[in-house]
């Protein structure tokens, strides 16, 4: 499991870093529309200024390149580690650290470029944003039906999974009745709705003005939006296929391995799709480079060239200065909520990693106190009244049970949570490395429990018998 997770993380991290590196730090800065998050000026390519920028850019690109190489090396090292929770924690730390690390040289370079720009007397030239009245709001490339059809298919799959869980549709399934398949299908369907919303939002972004000729502006924006809408629709269909795969492999025909393999393929296709999108976008920029007679300088409104903050702009959505798609105006009330949510998600992720790490490191305990059987780890996970127990059985080997996790932990030294055991929904609190366990049955629930060692489990079993 840890190896499969490591491979998935490699597929996520490495292509992401490579794509970000080439977007943020193109090899030839002189041919780019932006340099380190600043609008390109003809003065940047003249005399001593060009040499100064060459030094700044080479230094910052080199630093980002080192971050890239270190991240790639650490990714290979993490693949060799054992222990699912340890590996998960380190992967998440590496993921966040790599993303932040590759942005730091960009932020520093942006600060240096703004300082150089002030030295050259090239202050922000305009406070008014250009709008081409002839093309404003008239260029859309995405069809509503292209977003609607895959989402309708996804909804039918979610309903089918729900009917299986409600046993309206009778199928022989490990997860039937546990609503895990319905939950996962609903999550992927929600992702599809999110993709659709973002695609629609991006298609309705304000058109860029690059020329005094409306025809050129129209063709430029149509090409850019068509490239993004094509990518969004294909991504949406791919997500719907993964939704269907979830239904087949985790609801109708349980195979966690095949589901993971398909997930790996899914992420690979996404990364290839992003790479193709970026290449096409770059070709569009190169095609219209000579036609760009109008440049809009909003450098002072971009913090570090990444975060857009403009209280004078009432629009929530704006096109990203670098990268794919759009971003939100951090000065907008909704934009502030979005960034606050991102911070909360980041803090929640770190807190979850700490909790999961503590859980793996803390041995499980099984004890009898106050006429109750208590399963304890960090807190009392299960408390079973002795009077409620109808039967107990001694089990020799956990591996003889057909365990399928529904929710909770399923790692090498800990099975804890809601599981399907031999096709029946049960509560599990086990150390699978020790093997022995106690099957505890009540009128409402069946529990499979053990202590940290087989000896401790045996003692509790004998106490229960007496």
Protein backbone atom coordinates (compact mmCIF):
# COMPACT_ATOMS: atom_id res chain seq x y z
CA UNK A 1 0.00 0.00 0.00
CA UNK A 2 2.78 2.46 0.94
CA UNK A 3 4.59 1.79 -2.36
CA UNK A 4 1.40 2.43 -4.37
CA UNK A 5 0.79 5.64 -2.42
CA UNK A 6 4.39 6.71 -3.05
CA UNK A 7 4.02 6.12 -6.78
CA UNK A 8 0.79 8.18 -6.83
CA UNK A 9 2.52 11.02 -4.97
CA UNK A 10 5.47 10.90 -7.38
CA UNK A 11 3.07 11.17 -10.32
CA UNK A 12 1.41 14.13 -8.62
CA UNK A 13 4.50 15.98 -7.40
CA UNK A 14 7.16 15.58 -10.08
CA UNK A 15 5.11 16.65 -13.15
CA UNK A 16 3.54 19.48 -11.11
CA UNK A 17 6.95 20.85 -10.15
CA UNK A 18 8.29 20.50 -13.71
CA UNK A 19 5.28 22.30 -15.20
CA UNK A 20 5.47 25.05 -12.56
CA UNK A 21 9.20 25.49 -13.11
CA UNK A 22 8.89 25.99 -16.87
CA UNK A 23 5.87 28.31 -16.44
CA UNK A 24 7.47 30.48 -13.75
CA UNK A 25 11.00 30.42 -15.18
CA UNK A 26 10.97 30.11 -19.01
CA UNK A 27 14.42 29.53 -20.48
CA UNK A 28 14.41 32.71 -22.60
CA UNK A 29 12.94 35.54 -20.52
CA UNK A 30 13.25 38.07 -23.36
CA UNK A 31 10.57 36.34 -25.43
CA UNK A 32 8.11 36.03 -22.53
CA UNK A 33 5.10 38.25 -21.93
CA UNK A 34 5.98 38.47 -18.23
CA UNK A 35 9.23 38.30 -16.33
CA UNK A 36 9.10 37.18 -12.70
CA UNK A 37 5.51 38.40 -12.50
CA UNK A 38 6.14 41.83 -14.05
CA UNK A 39 4.87 43.14 -17.38
CA UNK A 40 7.62 43.00 -20.00
CA UNK A 41 8.96 46.44 -21.02
CA UNK A 42 11.10 47.29 -24.02
CA UNK A 43 13.45 49.10 -21.60
CA UNK A 44 14.19 45.74 -19.95
CA UNK A 45 15.96 44.60 -23.13
CA UNK A 46 18.26 47.60 -23.51
CA UNK A 47 21.93 48.05 -22.54
CA UNK A 48 22.97 47.68 -18.92
CA UNK A 49 19.38 47.05 -17.81
CA UNK A 50 19.33 43.85 -19.86
CA UNK A 51 22.56 42.66 -18.21
CA UNK A 52 21.19 43.44 -14.74
CA UNK A 53 17.99 41.53 -15.42
CA UNK A 54 20.01 38.64 -16.85
CA UNK A 55 21.86 38.40 -13.52
CA UNK A 56 18.67 38.61 -11.45
CA UNK A 57 16.82 36.09 -13.59
CA UNK A 58 19.70 33.59 -13.84
CA UNK A 59 20.19 33.70 -10.07
CA UNK A 60 16.52 33.12 -9.25
CA UNK A 61 16.03 30.48 -11.93
CA UNK A 62 19.09 28.65 -10.65
CA UNK A 63 17.72 28.66 -7.10
CA UNK A 64 14.39 27.25 -8.31
CA UNK A 65 16.28 24.62 -10.29
CA UNK A 66 18.06 23.49 -7.10
CA UNK A 67 14.71 23.19 -5.32
CA UNK A 68 13.48 21.08 -8.25
CA UNK A 69 16.49 18.74 -8.14
CA UNK A 70 16.33 18.35 -4.33
CA UNK A 71 12.59 17.56 -4.51
CA UNK A 72 13.17 14.94 -7.22
CA UNK A 73 15.93 13.30 -5.15
CA UNK A 74 13.82 13.27 -1.97
CA UNK A 75 10.89 11.78 -3.91
CA UNK A 76 13.05 8.79 -4.87
CA UNK A 77 14.21 8.40 -1.24
CA UNK A 78 10.63 8.44 0.05
CA UNK A 79 9.69 5.65 -2.35
CA UNK A 80 12.14 3.39 -0.49
CA UNK A 81 10.67 4.09 2.96
CA UNK A 82 8.32 1.70 4.75
CA UNK A 83 5.46 2.60 7.07
CA UNK A 84 2.34 4.08 5.52
CA UNK A 85 1.73 6.87 8.05
CA UNK A 86 5.39 7.92 8.19
CA UNK A 87 5.56 7.93 4.40
CA UNK A 88 2.26 9.84 4.10
CA UNK A 89 3.43 12.50 6.55
CA UNK A 90 6.80 12.96 4.84
CA UNK A 91 5.16 13.07 1.39
CA UNK A 92 2.79 15.83 2.46
CA UNK A 93 5.64 17.80 4.05
CA UNK A 94 7.70 17.40 0.87
CA UNK A 95 4.72 18.38 -1.31
CA UNK A 96 4.07 21.63 0.56
CA UNK A 97 7.77 22.43 1.01
CA UNK A 98 8.49 21.90 -2.69
CA UNK A 99 5.61 24.13 -3.82
CA UNK A 100 6.63 26.89 -1.42
CA UNK A 101 10.30 26.41 -2.23
CA UNK A 102 9.86 26.79 -5.99
CA UNK A 103 7.83 30.00 -5.46
CA UNK A 104 10.30 31.70 -3.07
CA UNK A 105 12.87 32.64 -5.79
CA UNK A 106 9.96 33.98 -7.88
CA UNK A 107 8.76 36.21 -5.02
CA UNK A 108 12.29 37.46 -4.35
CA UNK A 109 12.92 38.08 -8.06
CA UNK A 110 9.60 39.94 -8.32
CA UNK A 111 10.68 42.24 -5.48
CA UNK A 112 14.05 42.90 -7.18
CA UNK A 113 12.37 43.62 -10.51
CA UNK A 114 9.94 46.10 -8.93
CA UNK A 115 12.87 47.87 -7.30
CA UNK A 116 14.70 48.01 -10.65
CA UNK A 117 11.56 49.28 -12.34
CA UNK A 118 11.30 52.17 -9.85
CA UNK A 119 14.99 52.96 -10.36
CA UNK A 120 14.38 53.20 -14.11
CA UNK A 121 11.42 55.53 -13.52
CA UNK A 122 8.97 53.04 -15.03
CA UNK A 123 6.16 53.50 -12.51
CA UNK A 124 2.74 51.94 -13.08
CA UNK A 125 1.64 53.75 -16.20
CA UNK A 126 -2.10 53.50 -16.00
CA UNK A 127 -4.78 53.25 -13.37
CA UNK A 128 -7.51 52.50 -15.96
CA UNK A 129 -7.92 49.02 -17.44
CA UNK A 130 -8.40 48.90 -21.22
CA UNK A 131 -11.61 47.36 -22.52
CA UNK A 132 -12.43 46.59 -26.14
CA UNK A 133 -16.13 47.49 -26.40
CA UNK A 134 -16.53 45.50 -29.63
CA UNK A 135 -15.45 42.22 -28.01
CA UNK A 136 -16.36 42.75 -24.35
CA UNK A 137 -18.47 39.82 -23.16
CA UNK A 138 -19.02 38.47 -26.67
CA UNK A 139 -16.39 35.71 -26.86
CA UNK A 140 -17.38 32.35 -25.37
CA UNK A 141 -16.08 28.97 -26.50
CA UNK A 142 -17.59 26.49 -24.06
CA UNK A 143 -21.01 24.93 -24.69
CA UNK A 144 -23.32 24.36 -21.74
CA UNK A 145 -24.22 20.89 -23.06
CA UNK A 146 -20.55 19.81 -22.98
CA UNK A 147 -20.57 20.47 -19.22
CA UNK A 148 -24.09 19.14 -18.58
CA UNK A 149 -23.85 15.67 -20.19
CA UNK A 150 -20.91 14.25 -18.16
CA UNK A 151 -22.41 15.64 -14.94
CA UNK A 152 -25.76 13.97 -15.68
CA UNK A 153 -23.98 10.66 -16.31
CA UNK A 154 -22.10 11.13 -13.04
CA UNK A 155 -25.35 11.81 -11.18
CA UNK A 156 -26.86 8.56 -12.53
CA UNK A 157 -23.81 6.64 -11.27
CA UNK A 158 -24.14 8.22 -7.81
CA UNK A 159 -27.84 7.27 -7.73
CA UNK A 160 -26.95 3.69 -8.80
CA UNK A 161 -24.37 3.44 -6.00
CA UNK A 162 -26.96 4.73 -3.52
CA UNK A 163 -29.52 2.16 -4.68
CA UNK A 164 -26.92 -0.60 -4.22
CA UNK A 165 -26.21 0.64 -0.68
CA UNK A 166 -29.94 0.82 0.08
CA UNK A 167 -30.18 -2.72 -1.38
CA UNK A 168 -32.88 -1.63 -3.80
CA UNK A 169 -30.52 -3.09 -6.43
CA UNK A 170 -29.32 -6.46 -5.13
CA UNK A 171 -25.69 -7.14 -6.02
CA UNK A 172 -23.07 -9.22 -4.26
CA UNK A 173 -20.71 -6.52 -3.05
CA UNK A 174 -18.25 -6.17 -0.17
CA UNK A 175 -19.33 -2.57 0.36
CA UNK A 176 -23.09 -2.90 -0.27
CA UNK A 177 -24.92 -1.20 2.58
CA UNK A 178 -21.86 0.64 3.92
CA UNK A 179 -22.34 3.75 1.73
CA UNK A 180 -18.59 3.99 1.06
CA UNK A 181 -19.15 3.60 -2.67
CA UNK A 182 -21.90 6.21 -2.61
CA UNK A 183 -19.66 8.61 -0.65
CA UNK A 184 -16.71 8.24 -3.03
CA UNK A 185 -18.94 8.52 -6.11
CA UNK A 186 -20.53 11.66 -4.67
CA UNK A 187 -17.08 13.19 -4.04
CA UNK A 188 -16.00 12.64 -7.66
CA UNK A 189 -19.33 13.98 -8.88
CA UNK A 190 -18.80 17.10 -6.72
CA UNK A 191 -15.34 17.48 -8.31
CA UNK A 192 -17.04 17.37 -11.71
CA UNK A 193 -19.41 20.14 -10.66
CA UNK A 194 -16.44 22.16 -9.43
CA UNK A 195 -14.62 21.67 -12.74
CA UNK A 196 -17.75 22.79 -14.59
CA UNK A 197 -18.10 25.90 -12.44
CA UNK A 198 -14.45 26.87 -12.91
CA UNK A 199 -14.66 26.26 -16.67
CA UNK A 200 -17.78 28.43 -16.95
CA UNK A 201 -16.18 31.15 -14.82
CA UNK A 202 -12.99 31.17 -16.93
CA UNK A 203 -15.03 31.32 -20.15
CA UNK A 204 -16.71 34.47 -18.82
CA UNK A 205 -13.54 36.27 -17.75
CA UNK A 206 -12.95 39.78 -19.07
CA UNK A 207 -11.33 39.63 -22.50
CA UNK A 208 -7.73 40.76 -22.75
CA UNK A 209 -6.85 43.79 -24.87
CA UNK A 210 -3.56 43.31 -26.72
CA UNK A 211 -4.17 45.53 -29.75
CA UNK A 212 -6.10 48.56 -31.00
CA UNK A 213 -7.56 46.23 -33.63
CA UNK A 214 -10.76 44.56 -32.34
CA UNK A 215 -10.40 41.65 -34.79
CA UNK A 216 -6.99 40.77 -33.35
CA UNK A 217 -8.34 40.98 -29.79
CA UNK A 218 -11.28 38.74 -30.74
CA UNK A 219 -9.10 36.07 -32.41
CA UNK A 220 -6.56 36.13 -29.57
CA UNK A 221 -9.16 35.71 -26.82
CA UNK A 222 -11.07 33.09 -28.81
CA UNK A 223 -7.91 31.01 -29.25
CA UNK A 224 -6.98 31.31 -25.55
CA UNK A 225 -10.48 30.46 -24.29
CA UNK A 226 -10.86 27.59 -26.77
CA UNK A 227 -7.64 26.04 -25.52
CA UNK A 228 -8.82 26.27 -21.90
CA UNK A 229 -12.37 25.05 -22.61
CA UNK A 230 -11.07 22.02 -24.55
CA UNK A 231 -8.84 21.10 -21.62
CA UNK A 232 -11.67 21.63 -19.08
CA UNK A 233 -14.18 19.45 -20.98
CA UNK A 234 -11.66 16.63 -21.42
CA UNK A 235 -10.76 16.87 -17.72
CA UNK A 236 -14.46 16.69 -16.85
CA UNK A 237 -14.97 13.54 -18.95
CA UNK A 238 -11.87 11.96 -17.42
CA UNK A 239 -13.27 12.68 -13.95
CA UNK A 240 -16.58 11.06 -14.97
CA UNK A 241 -14.70 7.96 -16.15
CA UNK A 242 -12.94 7.76 -12.76
CA UNK A 243 -16.36 8.11 -11.11
CA UNK A 244 -17.60 5.12 -13.14
CA UNK A 245 -14.42 3.21 -12.26
CA UNK A 246 -15.04 3.85 -8.57
CA UNK A 247 -18.51 2.36 -8.95
CA UNK A 248 -17.21 -0.74 -10.74
CA UNK A 249 -14.06 -1.46 -8.69
CA UNK A 250 -15.28 -0.44 -5.23
CA UNK A 251 -19.03 -1.14 -5.38
CA UNK A 252 -19.82 -3.88 -7.91
CA UNK A 253 -16.47 -5.65 -8.01
CA UNK A 254 -14.15 -4.92 -5.09
CA UNK A 255 -10.53 -4.48 -6.21
CA UNK A 256 -8.53 -1.83 -4.36
CA UNK A 257 -5.41 -2.60 -6.42
CA UNK A 258 -7.12 -2.04 -9.78
CA UNK A 259 -8.69 1.16 -8.46
CA UNK A 260 -5.26 2.47 -7.43
CA UNK A 261 -3.79 1.53 -10.82
CA UNK A 262 -6.56 3.41 -12.62
CA UNK A 263 -6.05 6.38 -10.26
CA UNK A 264 -2.37 6.48 -11.22
CA UNK A 265 -3.32 6.46 -14.91
CA UNK A 266 -5.87 9.21 -14.19
CA UNK A 267 -3.24 11.52 -12.66
CA UNK A 268 -0.77 10.76 -15.45
CA UNK A 269 -3.32 11.75 -18.10
CA UNK A 270 -4.13 14.97 -16.20
CA UNK A 271 -0.46 15.95 -16.04
CA UNK A 272 0.01 15.21 -19.74
CA UNK A 273 -3.11 17.26 -20.47
CA UNK A 274 -1.82 20.23 -18.46
CA UNK A 275 1.52 20.00 -20.29
CA UNK A 276 -0.23 20.04 -23.68
CA UNK A 277 -2.43 22.95 -22.58
CA UNK A 278 0.62 24.98 -21.48
CA UNK A 279 2.44 24.28 -24.78
CA UNK A 280 -0.60 25.36 -26.82
CA UNK A 281 -1.03 28.48 -24.72
CA UNK A 282 2.60 29.39 -25.29
CA UNK A 283 2.21 28.90 -29.04
CA UNK A 284 -0.80 31.25 -29.03
CA UNK A 285 1.28 33.89 -27.22
CA UNK A 286 4.09 33.50 -29.75
CA UNK A 287 1.64 33.68 -32.67
CA UNK A 288 0.25 37.04 -31.49
CA UNK A 289 3.48 38.47 -30.06
CA UNK A 290 3.96 40.96 -32.92
CA UNK A 291 0.32 42.08 -32.64
CA UNK A 292 0.63 43.04 -28.95
CA UNK A 293 0.71 46.81 -29.32
CA UNK A 294 -1.24 47.45 -26.10
CA UNK A 295 0.21 46.39 -22.74
CA UNK A 296 -1.57 46.82 -19.43
CA UNK A 297 0.64 47.49 -16.45
CA UNK A 298 -0.92 46.25 -13.19
CA UNK A 299 2.34 45.24 -11.53
CA UNK A 300 1.60 47.14 -8.32
CA UNK A 301 -1.64 45.18 -7.89
CA UNK A 302 0.13 41.80 -7.83
CA UNK A 303 1.77 40.74 -4.57
CA UNK A 304 4.86 38.78 -5.51
CA UNK A 305 3.46 38.48 -9.02
CA UNK A 306 1.08 35.76 -7.76
CA UNK A 307 -1.64 37.24 -5.51
CA UNK A 308 -3.92 39.86 -7.07
CA UNK A 309 -4.99 42.64 -4.68
CA UNK A 310 -6.84 45.61 -6.15
CA UNK A 311 -9.58 47.33 -4.08
CA UNK A 312 -10.42 49.51 -7.11
CA UNK A 313 -11.34 46.49 -9.23
CA UNK A 314 -14.82 45.22 -8.30
CA UNK A 315 -14.38 41.96 -10.22
CA UNK A 316 -13.85 38.82 -8.16
CA UNK A 317 -12.24 36.71 -10.90
CA UNK A 318 -9.16 37.76 -12.84
CA UNK A 319 -6.83 35.93 -15.20
CA UNK A 320 -3.66 34.62 -13.61
CA UNK A 321 -0.51 36.56 -14.40
CA UNK A 322 1.46 33.30 -14.56
CA UNK A 323 0.15 29.77 -14.73
CA UNK A 324 -3.09 28.17 -15.84
CA UNK A 325 -6.59 29.63 -15.48
CA UNK A 326 -7.67 32.42 -13.18
CA UNK A 327 -7.47 33.58 -9.58
CA UNK A 328 -9.51 35.72 -7.21
CA UNK A 329 -9.09 39.35 -6.23
CA UNK A 330 -7.84 39.18 -2.61
CA UNK A 331 -9.27 42.66 -1.99
CA UNK A 332 -12.79 41.46 -2.83
CA UNK A 333 -14.87 40.34 0.22
CA UNK A 334 -15.40 36.88 -1.32
CA UNK A 335 -11.71 36.75 -2.26
CA UNK A 336 -10.77 37.28 1.38
CA UNK A 337 -13.01 34.37 2.36
CA UNK A 338 -11.38 32.18 -0.30
CA UNK A 339 -7.88 32.89 1.01
CA UNK A 340 -9.04 32.39 4.61
CA UNK A 341 -10.47 29.00 3.57
CA UNK A 342 -7.15 28.04 1.94
CA UNK A 343 -5.29 28.88 5.17
CA UNK A 344 -7.77 26.82 7.21
CA UNK A 345 -7.38 23.84 4.85
CA UNK A 346 -3.58 24.10 5.17
CA UNK A 347 -3.79 24.19 8.98
CA UNK A 348 -6.30 21.31 9.03
CA UNK A 349 -3.98 19.22 6.84
CA UNK A 350 -1.01 19.82 9.14
CA UNK A 351 -3.14 19.04 12.21
CA UNK A 352 -4.39 15.83 10.58
CA UNK A 353 -0.83 14.74 9.83
CA UNK A 354 0.19 15.30 13.46
CA UNK A 355 -2.85 13.34 14.69
CA UNK A 356 -2.25 10.46 12.27
CA UNK A 357 1.44 10.32 13.21
CA UNK A 358 0.58 10.18 16.93
CA UNK A 359 -1.97 7.45 16.25
CA UNK A 360 0.55 5.23 14.45
CA UNK A 361 3.17 5.73 17.17
CA UNK A 362 0.79 4.99 20.08
CA UNK A 363 0.27 1.27 20.94
CA UNK A 364 -3.32 0.06 21.24
CA UNK A 365 -4.62 -1.12 24.61
CA UNK A 366 -7.35 -3.56 25.52
CA UNK A 367 -8.52 -3.52 29.14
CA UNK A 368 -11.39 -4.41 31.47
CA UNK A 369 -12.51 -1.66 33.86
CA UNK A 370 -15.78 -1.00 35.69
CA UNK A 371 -17.44 -4.00 34.03
CA UNK A 372 -16.59 -2.62 30.58
CA UNK A 373 -14.30 -3.76 27.78
CA UNK A 374 -12.34 -0.67 26.69
CA UNK A 375 -10.41 -0.30 23.41
CA UNK A 376 -8.02 2.59 24.03
CA UNK A 377 -5.57 4.51 21.86
CA UNK A 378 -5.11 8.24 22.54
CA UNK A 379 -8.72 8.05 23.75
CA UNK A 380 -11.36 5.39 24.40
CA UNK A 381 -12.31 4.35 20.87
CA UNK A 382 -14.83 1.68 21.88
CA UNK A 383 -16.41 1.06 25.28
CA UNK A 384 -18.44 -2.18 25.39
CA UNK A 385 -20.58 -2.98 28.44
CA UNK A 386 -19.88 -6.54 29.57
CA UNK A 387 -23.61 -7.12 30.10
CA UNK A 388 -24.24 -6.33 26.40
CA UNK A 389 -21.85 -9.04 25.17
CA UNK A 390 -23.71 -12.09 23.84
CA UNK A 391 -20.70 -14.18 22.74
CA UNK A 392 -16.93 -14.11 22.39
CA UNK A 393 -14.59 -16.13 20.15
CA UNK A 394 -10.81 -16.52 20.04
CA UNK A 395 -9.17 -15.91 16.67
CA UNK A 396 -5.75 -17.27 15.75
CA UNK A 397 -4.86 -15.16 12.70
CA UNK A 398 -6.18 -11.77 11.53
CA UNK A 399 -5.05 -12.60 8.00
CA UNK A 400 -7.74 -15.29 7.78
CA UNK A 401 -10.38 -12.53 7.95
CA UNK A 402 -11.44 -10.89 4.71
CA UNK A 403 -11.05 -7.30 5.88
CA UNK A 404 -12.09 -4.34 3.74
CA UNK A 405 -11.78 -0.85 5.25
CA UNK A 406 -14.81 1.41 5.02
CA UNK A 407 -13.49 4.24 7.19
CA UNK A 408 -10.67 4.65 9.70
CA UNK A 409 -7.12 3.27 9.67
CA UNK A 410 -5.86 0.36 7.60
CA UNK A 411 -2.05 0.33 7.95
CA UNK A 412 0.57 -2.31 8.71
CA UNK A 413 0.34 -2.08 12.52
CA UNK A 414 -3.21 -0.79 12.98
CA UNK A 415 -6.68 -1.67 11.75
CA UNK A 416 -9.20 0.61 13.42
CA UNK A 417 -12.62 1.87 12.41
CA UNK A 418 -15.53 0.61 10.33
CA UNK A 419 -14.63 -2.45 8.28
CA UNK A 420 -16.37 -5.05 6.20
CA UNK A 421 -15.34 -8.42 7.64
CA UNK A 422 -16.28 -11.43 5.50
CA UNK A 423 -18.94 -9.24 3.91
CA UNK A 424 -20.46 -7.99 7.19
CA UNK A 425 -20.17 -4.49 8.64
CA UNK A 426 -18.17 -4.54 11.91
CA UNK A 427 -16.06 -2.43 14.24
CA UNK A 428 -12.34 -3.26 14.20
CA UNK A 429 -9.58 -2.50 16.72
CA UNK A 430 -6.61 -4.70 15.83
CA UNK A 431 -2.85 -4.96 15.65
CA UNK A 432 -2.57 -7.16 12.51
CA UNK A 433 1.14 -7.78 13.08
CA UNK A 434 0.40 -9.90 16.17
CA UNK A 435 -2.27 -12.09 14.57
CA UNK A 436 -4.45 -13.17 17.52
CA UNK A 437 -7.76 -11.40 18.13
CA UNK A 438 -11.06 -11.61 20.01
CA UNK A 439 -14.42 -11.56 18.25
CA UNK A 440 -16.90 -9.80 20.53
CA UNK A 441 -20.59 -9.97 19.63
CA UNK A 442 -23.41 -7.80 20.95
CA UNK A 443 -27.02 -7.52 19.85
CA UNK A 444 -26.24 -4.40 17.81
CA UNK A 445 -22.63 -4.79 16.61
CA UNK A 446 -19.77 -7.25 16.14
CA UNK A 447 -16.25 -6.19 17.18
CA UNK A 448 -12.87 -7.64 16.24
CA UNK A 449 -10.37 -6.47 18.85
CA UNK A 450 -6.87 -7.12 20.12
CA UNK A 451 -4.21 -5.56 22.33
CA UNK A 452 -0.70 -4.50 21.29
CA UNK A 453 0.60 -8.07 21.78
CA UNK A 454 -0.93 -11.54 21.54
CA UNK A 455 -0.04 -12.18 25.22
CA UNK A 456 -2.04 -9.15 26.36
CA UNK A 457 -4.93 -10.15 24.10
CA UNK A 458 -4.93 -13.65 25.63
CA UNK A 459 -5.11 -12.22 29.16
CA UNK A 460 -8.14 -10.08 28.31
CA UNK A 461 -9.83 -13.05 26.59
CA UNK A 462 -9.40 -15.22 29.69
CA UNK A 463 -10.77 -12.40 31.87
CA UNK A 464 -13.81 -12.14 29.59
CA UNK A 465 -14.39 -15.90 29.82
CA UNK A 466 -14.41 -15.76 33.61
